[in-house]
Amino acid sequence: MADRATRLAEALAAGLCAFGAALATAPNEVLARAGLTALPALPALPALQGLGLLFARLTGVRDLAFGAALLGTRGATARRRLLRVVAAVAFADALLLLLGRGRLPARRVALGAAASLATGALAVVASTGADDLESGGVPLLVAGSLLSAAPALDLATVVRERRSPPFVAFEVGAALLGAGWLRRGSRAGAAINGGAALGGLLWWIRGARHGSDGTR
């Protein structure tokens, strides 16, 4: 069994994949949840708002790439170098947020900076891992994250409004995630994501039954 720091590296990589996929595929929803739907100092410049969304998507792609690279790195030495890069980028993100605190809500800046600092700190701790890590299942995990991240942000609305395309994307994505974790030998990861897929399906079926009862 891998040591705790190595397992932390895998968990951090999974988190980067999930957050990166959400930010890349649904930046509006992620930013809205963070209270950053608009730049208060530039409310009437939609072009700059569009650039902000593009930057958010690119940041998501970056985090997804970091997560995938970590998951695909088997050796401890190479993983250690990559984690140091992740830590440096996270600390730089925190610094940039703090430098821009005059244009963003102070509370949101503090939360964002704290999250980035926490990510950097976790990467530093995870870089002390000395064990090899299973490197399989990365394509399944990346594809699953990209498919499931956006609908998972508002799954209740998806089910309530009977929106089939995002629901199918969530189900397929969760199944791929479960398969990816199973490929890596993580029964817990496979069970969690398989359970999410099954729970979502049961929720959808229950909603369909309630809807049919209401139309009688």
Foldseek 3Di string as FASTA:
>chain_A
DFDPLQVLLLVLLLVLLQQLLLQQQPVCLVCVVLVPNDFVVPRPDVVVSVVVSVVSNVVSVVSNVLSLVLLQFFALVVNLVSLQVLLVVLQVQLVVLVVPCVRDPVVSNVVSSVVSNVSSVSSNSSSPTHHTFQNPLSVLSNQLSNQQNNCVSPVVVCLLVVPPRSLVSNLSSLCSQLVSCVVRVNNVRNVVSPVVNVVSVVSNVVSVVVVVVVVD
